[in-house]
Protein backbone atom coordinates (compact mmCIF):
# COMPACT_ATOMS: atom_id res chain seq x y z
CA MET A 1 128.64 120.14 126.29
CA LEU A 2 126.05 120.07 128.66
CA VAL A 3 123.47 117.70 129.82
CA ILE A 4 120.37 118.96 132.01
CA VAL A 5 118.57 116.43 134.00
CA ALA A 6 115.35 116.22 136.17
CA PRO A 7 114.98 114.20 139.14
CA GLY A 8 112.38 111.53 139.84
CA GLN A 9 110.05 110.50 142.46
CA GLY A 10 111.58 110.32 145.73
CA ALA A 11 113.78 113.36 145.56
CA GLN A 12 111.35 115.58 147.05
CA THR A 13 111.87 116.92 150.80
CA PRO A 14 109.53 119.12 153.02
CA GLY A 15 109.94 122.74 152.29
CA PHE A 16 112.20 122.22 149.12
CA LEU A 17 110.67 124.94 147.24
CA SER A 18 110.57 127.75 149.95
CA SER A 19 113.66 129.76 148.88
CA TRP A 20 112.65 129.58 145.18
CA LEU A 21 108.93 130.96 145.86
CA GLU A 22 110.64 133.93 147.88
CA ASP A 23 110.83 135.51 144.19
CA PRO A 24 107.45 137.06 143.44
CA ALA A 25 107.92 135.97 139.76
CA VAL A 26 108.58 132.43 140.74
CA ALA A 27 105.64 132.53 143.06
CA ALA A 28 103.26 133.83 140.32
CA ARG A 29 104.48 131.19 137.84
CA ALA A 30 103.87 128.52 140.72
CA ALA A 31 100.38 129.74 141.12
CA TRP A 32 99.79 129.46 137.25
CA LEU A 33 101.27 125.78 137.34
CA SER A 34 98.92 125.35 140.30
CA ALA A 35 95.98 126.35 138.56
CA VAL A 36 96.70 123.91 135.55
CA SER A 37 97.35 120.87 137.83
CA GLY A 38 94.93 121.67 140.22
CA LEU A 39 96.93 121.33 143.29
CA ASP A 40 98.29 124.25 145.61
CA LEU A 41 101.99 123.58 144.80
CA ALA A 42 102.90 126.47 146.83
CA HIS A 43 101.77 124.90 150.11
CA TYR A 44 102.97 121.47 149.14
CA GLY A 45 106.48 122.64 148.32
CA THR A 46 106.65 125.02 151.56
CA GLU A 47 104.31 123.55 154.40
CA ALA A 48 103.55 120.15 153.51
CA ASP A 49 105.06 117.38 155.67
CA GLU A 50 107.14 114.24 154.47
CA ASP A 51 104.05 111.95 154.41
CA THR A 52 101.71 114.35 152.47
CA ILE A 53 104.35 114.89 149.64
CA ARG A 54 105.03 111.30 149.48
CA ASP A 55 101.41 110.78 148.10
CA THR A 56 102.12 110.13 144.31
CA LYS A 57 99.27 112.39 143.10
CA ILE A 58 101.11 115.22 144.85
CA ALA A 59 104.74 114.34 144.60
CA GLN A 60 104.62 114.03 140.68
CA PRO A 61 103.32 117.12 139.86
CA LEU A 62 105.25 118.99 142.47
CA LEU A 63 108.46 117.49 140.92
CA VAL A 64 107.89 118.46 137.48
CA ALA A 65 106.73 122.06 138.49
CA ALA A 66 109.97 122.40 140.41
CA GLY A 67 111.83 121.42 137.66
CA LEU A 68 110.10 123.84 135.29
CA LEU A 69 110.23 126.61 137.88
CA THR A 70 114.06 126.39 138.23
CA ALA A 71 114.89 125.73 134.47
CA GLN A 72 113.09 129.00 133.50
CA GLN A 73 114.99 130.63 136.38
CA LEU A 74 118.18 129.37 134.94
CA ALA A 75 117.56 130.23 131.40
CA PRO A 76 114.52 132.97 131.63
CA ASP A 77 115.11 133.65 127.90
CA ALA A 78 115.01 130.04 126.38
CA VAL A 79 112.11 128.96 124.36
CA ASP A 80 111.58 126.20 121.91
CA GLY A 81 114.40 124.12 123.75
CA LEU A 82 117.40 124.98 125.66
CA ASP A 83 120.23 126.42 123.30
CA GLY A 84 123.86 125.00 123.44
CA VAL A 85 122.74 122.07 125.46
CA ALA A 86 123.99 118.56 124.27
CA ALA A 87 120.84 116.71 125.47
CA VAL A 88 118.17 116.70 128.24
CA ALA A 89 117.03 113.68 130.42
CA GLY A 90 114.87 113.08 133.21
CA HIS A 91 114.65 110.01 135.65
CA SER A 92 111.17 108.51 135.64
CA VAL A 93 108.53 111.40 136.09
CA GLY A 94 111.48 113.85 135.44
CA GLU A 95 111.13 112.76 131.72
CA ILE A 96 108.06 114.96 131.63
CA THR A 97 110.03 117.90 132.72
CA ALA A 98 112.65 117.04 130.10
CA ALA A 99 110.35 116.81 127.55
CA VAL A 100 109.27 120.40 128.15
CA GLY A 101 113.16 121.53 128.06
CA ALA A 102 113.51 119.64 124.80
CA GLY A 103 110.64 121.68 123.35
CA VAL A 104 108.25 118.65 122.68
CA ILE A 105 105.72 119.71 125.06
CA THR A 106 104.48 122.92 126.66
CA ALA A 107 104.46 123.41 130.53
CA GLU A 108 100.87 123.58 130.58
CA GLN A 109 100.61 120.26 128.83
CA ALA A 110 103.23 118.70 131.05
CA MET A 111 101.21 119.48 134.18
CA VAL A 112 98.17 118.12 132.91
CA LEU A 113 100.14 114.98 131.88
CA VAL A 114 101.67 114.68 135.41
CA ARG A 115 98.49 115.25 137.09
CA GLU A 116 96.91 112.37 135.34
CA ARG A 117 99.91 110.11 135.54
CA GLY A 118 100.30 110.62 139.35
CA ARG A 119 96.35 110.20 139.86
CA SER A 120 96.47 106.96 137.59
CA MET A 121 99.52 105.67 139.29
CA ALA A 122 98.25 106.09 142.63
CA ASP A 123 95.09 104.38 141.74
CA ALA A 124 96.87 101.35 140.45
CA ALA A 125 99.18 101.47 143.65
CA ALA A 126 95.92 101.21 145.83
CA VAL A 127 94.79 97.75 144.22
CA THR A 128 97.76 95.87 146.10
CA PRO A 129 100.04 97.04 148.77
CA THR A 130 103.51 97.67 146.96
CA GLY A 131 106.62 99.66 147.28
CA MET A 132 110.11 99.99 146.01
CA THR A 133 113.81 99.28 147.77
CA ALA A 134 116.96 100.56 146.67
CA VAL A 135 119.82 97.91 146.85
CA LEU A 136 123.16 99.86 147.44
CA GLY A 137 126.18 97.68 146.69
CA GLY A 138 126.77 94.26 146.24
CA ASP A 139 127.55 92.08 143.10
CA ARG A 140 125.34 92.96 140.25
CA ASP A 141 124.51 89.71 139.09
CA GLU A 142 123.89 88.38 142.67
CA VAL A 143 121.68 91.32 143.34
CA LEU A 144 119.33 90.80 140.12
CA ALA A 145 119.28 87.18 140.78
CA ALA A 146 117.99 87.90 144.29
CA ILE A 147 115.52 90.33 143.00
CA ALA A 148 114.38 87.90 140.53
CA ALA A 149 114.07 85.18 142.99
CA GLN A 150 111.41 87.05 145.14
CA GLY A 151 109.30 87.85 141.85
CA LEU A 152 110.35 91.43 142.23
CA THR A 153 111.28 93.66 139.11
CA ALA A 154 114.41 95.71 138.59
CA ALA A 155 112.47 98.54 138.27
CA ASN A 156 115.35 101.05 138.38
CA ASP A 157 118.76 100.27 137.09
CA ASN A 158 120.85 103.47 138.11
CA GLY A 159 124.29 102.39 137.49
CA PRO A 160 127.10 100.79 139.39
CA GLY A 161 125.65 99.78 142.80
CA GLN A 162 122.22 101.07 142.70
CA ILE A 163 119.31 99.08 141.60
CA VAL A 164 115.69 99.53 142.54
CA ALA A 165 113.55 96.46 143.35
CA ALA A 166 109.78 96.72 143.11
CA GLY A 167 106.90 94.68 144.15
CA THR A 168 104.46 93.66 146.77
CA THR A 169 105.28 94.43 150.41
CA GLU A 170 105.34 90.77 151.01
CA GLN A 171 107.77 90.45 148.29
CA LEU A 172 109.91 93.13 149.73
CA ALA A 173 109.82 91.83 153.05
CA ALA A 174 111.05 88.36 151.94
CA PHE A 175 113.80 90.17 149.93
CA ALA A 176 115.01 92.08 152.99
CA ASP A 177 115.33 88.82 154.88
CA ALA A 178 117.41 87.29 152.18
CA ALA A 179 119.61 90.47 151.18
CA PRO A 180 122.26 89.81 148.45
CA LYS A 181 125.51 89.57 150.23
CA GLY A 182 127.37 93.12 150.84
CA ALA A 183 124.30 94.94 150.00
CA ARG A 184 122.35 97.61 151.64
CA LEU A 185 118.72 98.02 151.31
CA ARG A 186 116.68 101.37 151.81
CA PRO A 187 113.18 101.50 151.41
CA LEU A 188 111.98 104.34 148.89
CA SER A 189 109.65 107.13 149.92
CA VAL A 190 107.45 106.07 147.23
CA ALA A 191 103.76 104.57 147.65
CA GLY A 192 103.79 101.86 144.67
CA ALA A 193 106.10 99.48 142.59
CA PHE A 194 106.57 102.07 139.71
CA HIS A 195 107.77 100.91 136.61
CA SER A 196 106.85 97.35 137.22
CA SER A 197 103.62 95.52 135.81
CA HIS A 198 101.75 96.93 138.88
CA MET A 199 101.45 100.05 136.68
CA ALA A 200 99.71 98.59 133.68
CA PRO A 201 96.44 100.13 134.19
CA ALA A 202 97.94 103.66 134.68
CA VAL A 203 99.39 103.13 131.01
CA ASP A 204 96.22 102.35 129.63
CA HIS A 205 94.89 106.05 131.25
CA VAL A 206 97.64 108.02 130.68
CA THR A 207 98.12 106.52 126.66
CA GLY A 208 94.47 107.81 125.90
CA LEU A 209 95.09 111.14 127.25
CA ALA A 210 98.51 111.56 125.25
CA GLY A 211 96.95 110.61 122.08
CA SER A 212 95.06 114.02 122.00
CA VAL A 213 98.34 116.16 123.01
CA SER A 214 100.06 118.05 120.04
CA VAL A 215 103.72 117.78 119.97
CA ARG A 216 106.84 119.24 118.35
CA ASP A 217 110.03 117.52 117.62
CA ALA A 218 112.81 117.99 120.05
CA ALA A 219 114.71 120.97 119.43
CA THR A 220 117.15 119.56 122.00
CA PRO A 221 118.10 115.76 121.90
CA PHE A 222 116.16 113.85 124.61
CA ILE A 223 117.85 110.73 126.06
CA THR A 224 115.16 108.12 126.93
CA ASN A 225 115.03 105.95 129.88
CA SER A 226 113.78 103.01 127.91
CA ASP A 227 117.10 102.16 126.62
CA GLY A 228 119.24 105.24 126.60
CA THR A 229 118.52 106.12 122.91
CA VAL A 230 118.54 109.78 121.71
CA LEU A 231 115.08 110.73 120.34
CA ARG A 232 114.07 113.59 118.21
CA GLU A 233 110.75 112.57 117.04
CA GLY A 234 108.31 114.33 119.38
CA ARG A 235 105.52 111.66 119.14
CA GLU A 236 108.11 108.87 120.10
CA VAL A 237 109.41 111.04 122.92
CA LEU A 238 105.84 111.00 124.38
CA ASP A 239 104.92 107.49 123.58
CA ARG A 240 108.28 106.08 125.47
CA ILE A 241 107.49 108.39 128.43
CA VAL A 242 104.05 107.06 128.76
CA GLY A 243 105.18 103.41 128.11
CA GLN A 244 107.81 103.95 130.78
CA ILE A 245 105.02 103.96 133.76
CA ALA A 246 105.13 100.13 133.56
CA ARG A 247 108.69 99.56 132.38
CA PRO A 248 112.02 99.66 134.00
CA VAL A 249 113.95 102.84 134.15
CA ARG A 250 117.57 102.15 132.51
CA TRP A 251 119.34 105.36 133.83
CA ASP A 252 122.38 103.44 133.83
CA LEU A 253 122.02 103.20 129.75
CA CYS A 254 121.20 107.24 129.80
CA LEU A 255 124.56 107.70 131.48
CA ASP A 256 126.34 105.54 128.96
CA THR A 257 125.05 107.60 126.25
CA MET A 258 126.29 110.82 127.48
CA PRO A 259 129.95 110.76 126.62
CA GLY A 260 129.26 109.99 123.01
CA LEU A 261 127.40 113.14 122.89
CA GLY A 262 130.43 114.78 124.26
CA VAL A 263 129.15 115.55 127.45
CA THR A 264 131.50 117.23 129.87
CA GLY A 265 129.11 118.97 132.40
CA PHE A 266 126.02 117.36 134.01
CA LEU A 267 123.37 119.83 135.65
CA GLU A 268 120.64 118.46 137.91
CA LEU A 269 117.36 120.73 138.31
CA ALA A 270 115.77 120.93 141.83
CA PRO A 271 115.19 119.18 143.95
CA ALA A 272 118.67 118.30 143.06
CA GLY A 273 121.35 115.89 144.56
CA THR A 274 120.18 112.41 143.83
CA LEU A 275 121.18 112.38 140.25
CA ALA A 276 124.19 114.26 140.48
CA GLY A 277 125.31 111.82 143.17
CA ILE A 278 124.78 108.81 140.78
CA ALA A 279 126.66 110.66 138.14
CA LYS A 280 129.84 111.03 140.40
CA ARG A 281 130.06 107.73 140.94
CA TYR A 282 129.58 106.53 137.44
CA PHE A 283 131.98 108.96 136.00
CA ARG A 284 134.56 108.74 138.68
CA GLY A 285 137.73 106.98 137.08
CA ARG A 286 136.56 106.99 133.63
CA GLU A 287 138.40 108.32 130.56
CA THR A 288 135.84 110.98 129.90
CA SER A 289 135.74 113.63 132.70
CA VAL A 290 132.07 114.97 133.34
CA GLU A 291 131.67 117.54 136.26
CA THR A 292 128.25 117.81 138.00
CA PHE A 293 126.31 120.48 139.52
CA ALA A 294 123.27 120.03 141.85
CA LEU A 295 121.05 123.18 141.45
CA SER A 296 118.88 123.16 144.67
CA THR A 297 118.39 126.77 145.73
CA PRO A 298 118.13 130.11 143.85
CA ASP A 299 121.53 131.46 145.53
CA GLN A 300 123.10 129.10 143.08
CA LEU A 301 121.96 130.18 140.01
CA ASP A 302 124.75 132.54 139.06
CA ASP A 303 127.27 129.84 139.69
CA ALA A 304 124.93 127.48 137.68
CA ARG A 305 124.86 129.63 134.65
CA ALA A 306 128.67 130.22 135.07
CA PHE A 307 128.59 126.16 134.90
CA CYS A 308 126.47 126.06 131.79
CA ALA A 309 128.86 128.50 130.03
CA ASN A 310 131.99 126.48 130.83
CA HIS A 311 130.40 123.54 129.35
CA GLY A 312 129.24 125.40 125.87
CA ALA A 313 125.59 126.28 126.78
CA THR A 314 124.48 129.62 126.36
CA LEU A 315 121.06 129.22 127.22
CA GLU A 316 119.94 131.83 124.85
CA ARG A 317 116.54 132.39 123.07
CA ARG A 318 115.78 130.71 120.04
CA PRO A 319 113.07 132.37 117.44
CA GLY A 320 109.76 131.11 117.95
CA GLY A 321 108.61 128.00 119.60
CA VAL A 322 107.03 127.18 123.08
CA SER A 323 107.47 128.84 126.38
CA ALA A 324 109.18 126.85 129.14
């Protein structure tokens, strides 16, 4: 069985959409998503520099659009969810991409939601200088204790050897001066303390907007960042996505859930690499063998489809439903 996942903020790199937009059909679809989001996604995905696409208001819509574009190229005939897929999941903002793949919301609804999510999170981040730092390695209990000692939040628990701390720049600086033994610290390319209490104002704004969004129940099971459980009720999927803005991402629990669903293949949509790398480390040496595939460029599409087929996913058309 196959799981398809979408990456979160920080995965973007300058020019990562260039090869995808060489296809006129993809470029046309990107133009439509640009019109919905109010951003020139082609420009930001091909020409803008690293600092520009680090801006939360730009990064989040750009990442969701990238996931939608690559998913559509992977399975151009799929509607109303992805057939033959055990589950979909997304890391942080990637959950909005995953909700489209599950058939809960449309691509257009996703782009409006992520536009408002990005704007409101950027506004919340502007109140106090904040950020996030990945903690790689070290003893888990010692890392969590060191994060708590500085008043930081363990905002992302990504699995063995990777926890992300979020808080003010002063707290993060103090944390760097007292780094846990055996751990390496890597500041992330994000502009705020996401998935912490600093984001509470953004939750309020997006909650009001999400209440007016019509949803469908998931045609493909959706694994939530909240606690790794599998959701099918459309309103609950959307409520969890919104609430997650100010709550820690438990990607470790999402990974824990996958073997129980019979997952043998793990495919990450563009811009791919981060989640596939985490999954490789997580599943290495475990009783359940899970292969990974990082779909980064269009010349990988044939291999990606073969990978899907090898893990039982036909990605065929279902009758009716919403367009991905």
